[in-house]
PDB file of N, CA and C in Angstrom:
ATOM      1  N   MET A   1     -49.738  30.847 -91.976  1.00  0.00           N
ATOM      2  CA  MET A   1     -49.838  31.939 -90.929  1.00  0.00           C
ATOM      3  C   MET A   1     -51.023  32.639 -91.226  1.00  0.00           C
ATOM      4  N   SER A   2     -51.543  33.189 -90.317  1.00  0.00           N
ATOM      5  CA  SER A   2     -52.933  34.082 -90.317  1.00  0.00           C
ATOM      6  C   SER A   2     -52.781  35.013 -90.027  1.00  0.00           C
ATOM      7  N   LYS A   3     -53.374  36.181 -90.215  1.00  0.00           N
ATOM      8  CA  LYS A   3     -54.203  37.922 -89.811  1.00  0.00           C
ATOM      9  C   LYS A   3     -55.602  37.908 -89.116  1.00  0.00           C
ATOM     10  N   LYS A   4     -55.578  38.379 -88.525  1.00  0.00           N
ATOM     11  CA  LYS A   4     -57.220  38.312 -88.265  1.00  0.00           C
ATOM     12  C   LYS A   4     -57.303  40.383 -88.782  1.00  0.00           C
ATOM     13  N   VAL A   5     -58.664  40.167 -89.657  1.00  0.00           N
ATOM     14  CA  VAL A   5     -58.746  41.716 -90.229  1.00  0.00           C
ATOM     15  C   VAL A   5     -59.570  41.965 -90.021  1.00  0.00           C
ATOM     16  N   SER A   6     -60.326  43.090 -90.111  1.00  0.00           N
ATOM     17  CA  SER A   6     -61.758  43.851 -90.673  1.00  0.00           C
ATOM     18  C   SER A   6     -61.821  43.922 -91.573  1.00  0.00           C
ATOM     19  N   ILE A   7     -63.277  43.051 -92.124  1.00  0.00           N
ATOM     20  CA  ILE A   7     -64.099  44.120 -93.418  1.00  0.00           C
ATOM     21  C   ILE A   7     -65.351  44.205 -93.191  1.00  0.00           C
ATOM     22  N   THR A   8     -65.414  44.754 -94.373  1.00  0.00           N
ATOM     23  CA  THR A   8     -66.964  45.765 -94.274  1.00  0.00           C
ATOM     24  C   THR A   8     -67.040  45.053 -95.842  1.00  0.00           C
ATOM     25  N   LEU A   9     -68.734  44.011 -95.129  1.00  0.00           N
ATOM     26  CA  LEU A   9     -69.917  43.560 -95.791  1.00  0.00           C
ATOM     27  C   LEU A   9     -70.845  44.126 -96.639  1.00  0.00           C
ATOM     28  N   ASP A  10     -71.209  43.864 -97.934  1.00  0.00           N
ATOM     29  CA  ASP A  10     -72.486  44.316 -97.639  1.00  0.00           C
ATOM     30  C   ASP A  10     -73.789  43.387 -97.141  1.00  0.00           C
ATOM     31  N   ASP A  11     -74.645  44.045 -96.440  1.00  0.00           N
ATOM     32  CA  ASP A  11     -76.094  42.826 -95.751  1.00  0.00           C
ATOM     33  C   ASP A  11     -75.927  41.778 -96.643  1.00  0.00           C
ATOM     34  N   THR A  12     -76.265  41.856 -98.365  1.00  0.00           N
ATOM     35  CA  THR A  12     -77.330  40.566 -98.565  1.00  0.00           C
ATOM     36  C   THR A  12     -75.904  39.730 -99.223  1.00  0.00           C
ATOM     37  N   ILE A  13     -74.463  40.231 -98.915  1.00  0.00           N
ATOM     38  CA  ILE A  13     -73.348  39.077 -99.314  1.00  0.00           C
ATOM     39  C   ILE A  13     -73.244  38.674 -97.881  1.00  0.00           C
ATOM     40  N   LEU A  14     -73.764  39.167 -96.831  1.00  0.00           N
ATOM     41  CA  LEU A  14     -73.294  38.576 -95.162  1.00  0.00           C
ATOM     42  C   LEU A  14     -74.139  37.884 -95.252  1.00  0.00           C
ATOM     43  N   ASP A  15     -76.207  37.876 -95.160  1.00  0.00           N
ATOM     44  CA  ASP A  15     -76.933  37.109 -95.608  1.00  0.00           C
ATOM     45  C   ASP A  15     -76.250  35.588 -96.572  1.00  0.00           C
ATOM     46  N   PHE A  16     -75.786  36.168 -97.660  1.00  0.00           N
ATOM     47  CA  PHE A  16     -75.709  34.721 -98.928  1.00  0.00           C
ATOM     48  C   PHE A  16     -74.314  34.200 -97.943  1.00  0.00           C
ATOM     49  N   VAL A  17     -73.360  34.831 -97.309  1.00  0.00           N
ATOM     50  CA  VAL A  17     -72.339  34.009 -96.821  1.00  0.00           C
ATOM     51  C   VAL A  17     -72.860  32.897 -95.677  1.00  0.00           C
ATOM     52  N   ASP A  18     -73.677  33.228 -94.852  1.00  0.00           N
ATOM     53  CA  ASP A  18     -74.134  33.138 -93.809  1.00  0.00           C
ATOM     54  C   ASP A  18     -75.589  31.749 -93.688  1.00  0.00           C
ATOM     55  N   ARG A  19     -75.655  31.913 -94.817  1.00  0.00           N
ATOM     56  CA  ARG A  19     -76.764  30.734 -95.190  1.00  0.00           C
ATOM     57  C   ARG A  19     -75.931  29.808 -96.482  1.00  0.00           C
ATOM     58  N   LEU A  20     -74.571  29.599 -96.743  1.00  0.00           N
ATOM     59  CA  LEU A  20     -73.762  28.631 -97.241  1.00  0.00           C
ATOM     60  C   LEU A  20     -72.804  27.752 -96.179  1.00  0.00           C
ATOM     61  N   ALA A  21     -72.608  29.109 -95.441  1.00  0.00           N
ATOM     62  CA  ALA A  21     -71.676  28.475 -94.276  1.00  0.00           C
ATOM     63  C   ALA A  21     -71.750  28.699 -92.588  1.00  0.00           C
ATOM     64  N   SER A  22     -71.153  28.039 -91.928  1.00  0.00           N
ATOM     65  CA  SER A  22     -70.656  27.827 -90.572  1.00  0.00           C
ATOM     66  C   SER A  22     -70.219  28.898 -90.348  1.00  0.00           C
ATOM     67  N   ASN A  23     -68.854  28.600 -91.053  1.00  0.00           N
ATOM     68  CA  ASN A  23     -67.769  29.106 -91.263  1.00  0.00           C
ATOM     69  C   ASN A  23     -67.448  30.399 -91.846  1.00  0.00           C
ATOM     70  N   ARG A  24     -67.346  31.394 -91.375  1.00  0.00           N
ATOM     71  CA  ARG A  24     -67.294  33.045 -92.536  1.00  0.00           C
ATOM     72  C   ARG A  24     -66.165  33.084 -92.966  1.00  0.00           C
ATOM     73  N   SER A  25     -65.225  32.670 -92.124  1.00  0.00           N
ATOM     74  CA  SER A  25     -63.444  33.067 -92.253  1.00  0.00           C
ATOM     75  C   SER A  25     -63.060  32.008 -93.206  1.00  0.00           C
ATOM     76  N   SER A  26     -63.370  30.627 -93.041  1.00  0.00           N
ATOM     77  CA  SER A  26     -63.357  29.555 -93.685  1.00  0.00           C
ATOM     78  C   SER A  26     -63.835  29.655 -94.931  1.00  0.00           C
ATOM     79  N   PHE A  27     -65.057  30.097 -95.114  1.00  0.00           N
ATOM     80  CA  PHE A  27     -65.447  30.280 -96.495  1.00  0.00           C
ATOM     81  C   PHE A  27     -64.968  31.205 -97.350  1.00  0.00           C
ATOM     82  N   ILE A  28     -65.140  32.180 -96.860  1.00  0.00           N
ATOM     83  CA  ILE A  28     -64.072  33.961 -97.547  1.00  0.00           C
ATOM     84  C   ILE A  28     -62.860  33.705 -97.523  1.00  0.00           C
ATOM     85  N   ASN A  29     -62.032  32.452 -96.814  1.00  0.00           N
ATOM     86  CA  ASN A  29     -60.922  32.585 -97.367  1.00  0.00           C
ATOM     87  C   ASN A  29     -60.494  31.058 -98.611  1.00  0.00           C
ATOM     88  N   GLU A  30     -61.940  29.811 -98.698  1.00  0.00           N
ATOM     89  CA  GLU A  30     -61.848  28.933-100.119  1.00  0.00           C
ATOM     90  C   GLU A  30     -62.109  29.687-100.798  1.00  0.00           C
ATOM     91  N   ILE A  31     -63.410  30.905-100.370  1.00  0.00           N
ATOM     92  CA  ILE A  31     -63.221  31.685-102.054  1.00  0.00           C
ATOM     93  C   ILE A  31     -62.090  32.510-102.698  1.00  0.00           C
ATOM     94  N   LEU A  32     -61.419  32.446-102.044  1.00  0.00           N
ATOM     95  CA  LEU A  32     -60.679  34.106-102.492  1.00  0.00           C
ATOM     96  C   LEU A  32     -59.249  32.879-102.889  1.00  0.00           C
ATOM     97  N   TRP A  33     -59.203  31.856-102.334  1.00  0.00           N
ATOM     98  CA  TRP A  33     -57.889  30.872-102.727  1.00  0.00           C
ATOM     99  C   TRP A  33     -58.159  30.116-103.842  1.00  0.00           C
ATOM    100  N   LYS A  34     -59.556  30.087-104.178  1.00  0.00           N
ATOM    101  CA  LYS A  34     -60.523  29.504-105.781  1.00  0.00           C
ATOM    102  C   LYS A  34     -59.714  30.575-106.763  1.00  0.00           C
ATOM    103  N   GLU A  35     -60.297  31.918-106.035  1.00  0.00           N
ATOM    104  CA  GLU A  35     -59.728  33.156-107.114  1.00  0.00           C
ATOM    105  C   GLU A  35     -57.796  33.261-106.919  1.00  0.00           C
ATOM    106  N   LYS A  36     -57.284  32.971-106.413  1.00  0.00           N
ATOM    107  CA  LYS A  36     -56.338  32.888-106.647  1.00  0.00           C
ATOM    108  C   LYS A  36     -55.491  32.167-107.369  1.00  0.00           C
ATOM    109  N   ARG A  37     -55.985  30.618-107.605  1.00  0.00           N
ATOM    110  CA  ARG A  37     -55.553  29.694-108.339  1.00  0.00           C
ATOM    111  C   ARG A  37     -55.982  30.091-109.617  1.00  0.00           C
ATOM    112  N   ARG A  38     -57.295  31.061-110.306  1.00  0.00           N
ATOM    113  CA  ARG A  38     -57.935  30.885-111.664  1.00  0.00           C
ATOM    114  C   ARG A  38     -57.252  32.309-111.771  1.00  0.00           C
ATOM    115  N   ILE A  39     -57.286  33.746-111.192  1.00  0.00           N
ATOM    116  CA  ILE A  39     -56.043  34.062-112.052  1.00  0.00           C
ATOM    117  C   ILE A  39     -54.626  33.732-111.900  1.00  0.00           C
ATOM    118  N   MET A  40     -53.786  32.749-111.202  1.00  0.00           N
ATOM    119  CA  MET A  40     -52.712  32.557-111.501  1.00  0.00           C
ATOM    120  C   MET A  40     -52.460  31.163-112.306  1.00  0.00           C
ATOM    121  N   MET A  41     -53.577  30.761-112.904  1.00  0.00           N
ATOM    122  CA  MET A  41     -53.623  30.177-114.106  1.00  0.00           C
ATOM    123  C   MET A  41     -53.622  31.092-115.579  1.00  0.00           C
ATOM    124  N   GLU A  42     -54.551  31.724-115.313  1.00  0.00           N
ATOM    125  CA  GLU A  42     -55.197  32.790-116.078  1.00  0.00           C
ATOM    126  C   GLU A  42     -53.712  33.668-116.804  1.00  0.00           C
ATOM    127  N   GLU A  43     -53.025  33.549-115.227  1.00  0.00           N
ATOM    128  CA  GLU A  43     -51.256  34.588-116.025  1.00  0.00           C
ATOM    129  C   GLU A  43     -50.596  33.248-116.324  1.00  0.00           C
ATOM    130  N   LEU A  44     -50.335  32.020-116.172  1.00  0.00           N
ATOM    131  CA  LEU A  44     -49.825  31.205-116.900  1.00  0.00           C
ATOM    132  C   LEU A  44     -50.371  30.840-118.285  1.00  0.00           C
ATOM    133  N   GLU A  45     -51.371  30.465-118.487  1.00  0.00           N
ATOM    134  CA  GLU A  45     -52.117  30.956-119.955  1.00  0.00           C
ATOM    135  C   GLU A  45     -51.553  32.025-120.328  1.00  0.00           C
ATOM    136  N   ASN A  46     -51.886  33.318-120.039  1.00  0.00           N
ATOM    137  CA  ASN A  46     -50.985  33.784-120.891  1.00  0.00           C
ATOM    138  C   ASN A  46     -49.521  34.149-120.974  1.00  0.00           C
ATOM    139  N   ALA A  47     -48.993  33.462-120.302  1.00  0.00           N
ATOM    140  CA  ALA A  47     -47.340  33.539-120.729  1.00  0.00           C
ATOM    141  C   ALA A  47     -46.882  32.523-121.324  1.00  0.00           C
ATOM    142  N   TYR A  48     -47.359  31.312-121.566  1.00  0.00           N
ATOM    143  CA  TYR A  48     -47.243  30.616-122.431  1.00  0.00           C
ATOM    144  C   TYR A  48     -47.717  30.754-124.079  1.00  0.00           C
ATOM    145  N   LYS A  49     -48.790  31.637-123.836  1.00  0.00           N
ATOM    146  CA  LYS A  49     -49.163  32.169-125.152  1.00  0.00           C
ATOM    147  C   LYS A  49     -48.096  33.091-125.848  1.00  0.00           C
ATOM    148  N   GLU A  50     -47.847  33.884-125.203  1.00  0.00           N
ATOM    149  CA  GLU A  50     -46.910  34.721-124.953  1.00  0.00           C
ATOM    150  C   GLU A  50     -45.543  34.105-125.825  1.00  0.00           C
ATOM    151  N   GLN A  51     -44.707  33.356-124.876  1.00  0.00           N
ATOM    152  CA  GLN A  51     -43.741  32.142-124.875  1.00  0.00           C
ATOM    153  C   GLN A  51     -44.271  31.882-126.433  1.00  0.00           C
ATOM    154  N   ALA A  52     -45.166  31.069-127.161  1.00  0.00           N
ATOM    155  CA  ALA A  52     -45.400  30.998-128.548  1.00  0.00           C
ATOM    156  C   ALA A  52     -45.378  31.801-129.806  1.00  0.00           C
ATOM    157  N   ASN A  53     -45.940  32.865-129.318  1.00  0.00           N
ATOM    158  CA  ASN A  53     -45.694  33.867-130.097  1.00  0.00           C
ATOM    159  C   ASN A  53     -44.447  34.967-130.322  1.00  0.00           C
ATOM    160  N   ASP A  54     -43.320  34.725-129.537  1.00  0.00           N
ATOM    161  CA  ASP A  54     -41.949  35.001-129.399  1.00  0.00           C
ATOM    162  C   ASP A  54     -41.097  34.317-130.188  1.00  0.00           C
ATOM    163  N   PRO A  55     -40.660  34.845-131.074  1.00  0.00           N
ATOM    164  CA  PRO A  55     -40.236  33.765-132.113  1.00  0.00           C
ATOM    165  C   PRO A  55     -38.400  34.384-131.779  1.00  0.00           C
ATOM    166  N   ASP A  56     -38.015  34.902-130.772  1.00  0.00           N
ATOM    167  CA  ASP A  56     -37.000  35.117-130.538  1.00  0.00           C
ATOM    168  C   ASP A  56     -36.795  33.697-129.313  1.00  0.00           C
ATOM    169  N   PHE A  57     -37.383  33.549-128.268  1.00  0.00           N
ATOM    170  CA  PHE A  57     -37.838  32.611-127.464  1.00  0.00           C
ATOM    171  C   PHE A  57     -38.356  31.378-127.985  1.00  0.00           C
ATOM    172  N   GLN A  58     -38.909  31.282-129.413  1.00  0.00           N
ATOM    173  CA  GLN A  58     -38.961  29.798-129.467  1.00  0.00           C
ATOM    174  C   GLN A  58     -37.622  29.274-130.547  1.00  0.00           C
ATOM    175  N   GLU A  59     -36.689  30.554-131.140  1.00  0.00           N
ATOM    176  CA  GLU A  59     -35.483  30.417-132.224  1.00  0.00           C
ATOM    177  C   GLU A  59     -34.708  30.121-130.830  1.00  0.00           C
ATOM    178  N   GLU A  60     -34.643  29.958-129.417  1.00  0.00           N
ATOM    179  CA  GLU A  60     -33.965  29.707-128.204  1.00  0.00           C
ATOM    180  C   GLU A  60     -33.618  28.265-127.864  1.00  0.00           C
ATOM    181  N   ILE A  61     -35.365  27.848-128.191  1.00  0.00           N
ATOM    182  CA  ILE A  61     -35.912  26.838-127.417  1.00  0.00           C
ATOM    183  C   ILE A  61     -35.402  25.778-128.930  1.00  0.00           C
ATOM    184  N   SER A  62     -35.667  26.241-129.592  1.00  0.00           N
ATOM    185  CA  SER A  62     -34.872  25.059-130.825  1.00  0.00           C
ATOM    186  C   SER A  62     -33.691  24.813-131.074  1.00  0.00           C
ATOM    187  N   VAL A  63     -32.948  26.055-130.415  1.00  0.00           N
ATOM    188  CA  VAL A  63     -31.649  25.674-130.483  1.00  0.00           C
ATOM    189  C   VAL A  63     -31.108  24.528-129.022  1.00  0.00           C
ATOM    190  N   TRP A  64     -31.971  24.675-128.204  1.00  0.00           N
ATOM    191  CA  TRP A  64     -32.136  23.553-126.668  1.00  0.00           C
ATOM    192  C   TRP A  64     -32.387  22.419-126.965  1.00  0.00           C
ATOM    193  N   ASP A  65     -33.186  22.658-127.854  1.00  0.00           N
ATOM    194  CA  ASP A  65     -34.156  21.128-128.818  1.00  0.00           C
ATOM    195  C   ASP A  65     -33.491  20.413-129.183  1.00  0.00           C
ATOM    196  N   VAL A  66     -32.116  20.824-129.800  1.00  0.00           N
ATOM    197  CA  VAL A  66     -30.892  20.028-130.570  1.00  0.00           C
ATOM    198  C   VAL A  66     -29.841  19.507-129.555  1.00  0.00           C
ATOM    199  N   ALA A  67     -29.569  20.914-128.524  1.00  0.00           N
ATOM    200  CA  ALA A  67     -28.549  20.282-127.931  1.00  0.00           C
ATOM    201  C   ALA A  67     -28.826  19.385-127.050  1.00  0.00           C
ATOM    202  N   VAL A  68     -30.455  19.294-126.614  1.00  0.00           N
ATOM    203  CA  VAL A  68     -30.593  18.077-125.497  1.00  0.00           C
ATOM    204  C   VAL A  68     -30.231  16.407-126.434  1.00  0.00           C
ATOM    205  N   GLY A  69     -30.487  16.541-127.615  1.00  0.00           N
ATOM    206  CA  GLY A  69     -30.650  15.079-128.111  1.00  0.00           C
ATOM    207  C   GLY A  69     -29.200  15.031-128.797  1.00  0.00           C
ATOM    208  N   ASP A  70     -28.211  15.730-128.709  1.00  0.00           N
ATOM    209  CA  ASP A  70     -26.943  15.584-129.035  1.00  0.00           C
ATOM    210  C   ASP A  70     -26.127  14.432-127.902  1.00  0.00           C
ATOM    211  N   GLY A  71     -25.691  13.220-128.882  1.00  0.00           N
ATOM    212  CA  GLY A  71     -25.083  11.992-128.443  1.00  0.00           C
ATOM    213  C   GLY A  71     -25.681  10.896-127.565  1.00  0.00           C
ATOM    214  N   LEU A  72     -27.064  11.276-127.205  1.00  0.00           N
ATOM    215  CA  LEU A  72     -28.090  10.257-127.151  1.00  0.00           C
ATOM    216  C   LEU A  72     -28.026   8.353-127.272  1.00  0.00           C
ATOM    217  N   ASN A  73     -27.781   8.927-128.687  1.00  0.00           N
ATOM    218  CA  ASN A  73     -28.223   7.731-128.971  1.00  0.00           C
ATOM    219  C   ASN A  73     -26.446   7.196-129.612  1.00  0.00           C
ATOM    220  N   ALA A  74     -25.377   7.523-128.815  1.00  0.00           N
ATOM    221  CA  ALA A  74     -24.239   6.849-128.885  1.00  0.00           C
ATOM    222  C   ALA A  74     -23.692   6.074-128.081  1.00  0.00           C
TER     223      ALA A  74
END
């Protein structure tokens, strides 16, 4: 779903956009999607680091690691 919005761009930025793209909306959307993905990946990386440094979480995972292997060789 898309919504039409009105934004104000600095003249220099608008000239930059117009030099690089024939469709302003597509260009700006593409840049914002890339930035959204970059931020999401950064947040995910930070969450993994947080988990790795959380002793309570690591203890819980180790319990599950043992439980997952129970009876597999039977």
